[in-house]
């Protein structure tokens, strides 16, 4: 019996249901367009994981903290008192009035992280599957970002729902809004400059702008403190780092370009995005020996589950072209947890600290 073919849109929804959200790289979308149901589900299954108190002056998290504390968020001290009602502009062009934050449903893990870090985690009644941090893990999973179940969300009687522009399907988002639930859509993040904007937007929607200001200052201060730890390098001595998106069981091997989302983070760590520098203007392109030779990375950045999916460092070196790069010859691989690497939220300082620690294990001294 011939299995039914997925449309590109249906295949993307299957991937997103399994991965819990996040932008599906363009080449993955093209791969999915012709997959059968079984193939699409197999690909989706390997894409899973790929979107306390403290003062503003507090320093960055310690070495290795992006990995060690990846599943813990650090809320501001105390619980802020929301000033409501408040009317805000939603990213989809609607003006939304929020009168209560007693029952909050964030539809992405990154939005959940902001809500909890603002000190309102006690008012969150459900989570997206990508909200894996410790404080949220006991909440019911009612949505997987790009495969929202409006019925599941509405059954929880939310007083406000937070989404971003990648949340879907559109019909489910419309159904929630048509039920009279205030639904605020937030622009997604793609670079360091988006961190404060996202915090500010969520805080305003929940009626806690002062807490948002405090969290912005803390986050900006910590990111700045990590940037101060980046070793000085001689002119032209910045390491070239290629961001590879790997899902071995599905034979998906992609090289990140200018729009991959990694450039801002790499540049903050004093590195050069090798894919971007080699002229790749899109988000991702299929890995080829020629593309890797042009990128000539000194180090390779990967998500931890992606590295695991290809069999670890040894498996990575078997991908055509990798072993011949300077990074492959030196086995210089930087691996960071999938759930936080490109989140661009309150834990970005931890990610940046981990990236710096792994890029410069010798403190930046030349070998």
Foldseek 3Di string as FASTA:
>chain_A
DDADWDALVRLVLLLLQLQLDDDDAPVVSVVNRGDGPVLSNLLSNLCHLPQAADFLQDAADDAPCLPVQVQAAHAHPDADDFDDFAWDAAPVGDIFTQGDLQEEEESGLLLLNLCVNLPNNVSYQAYGPLVRHDSHPPHHHQHSFQGHDLVSVVVSVGQEYHHEPNGDDPVSVVVNVVVVHGYGYDHADQALVCALVSLCRSCNNRRRNVSSVRLSSNLVNHLVNLLVLQFDDPVVGAFAEWEWEARQSSPAIKTAEDRQSCQRLQVSSRHHDLRPVLPDPGGIDGDDLVSCVSSLGLEYEYEPSRCVNQPHLVSVLPPPNQCPGNCNVVVLYQYGHSSPQNSSYSNVSVNSSNVNCSVCVVSPDDD
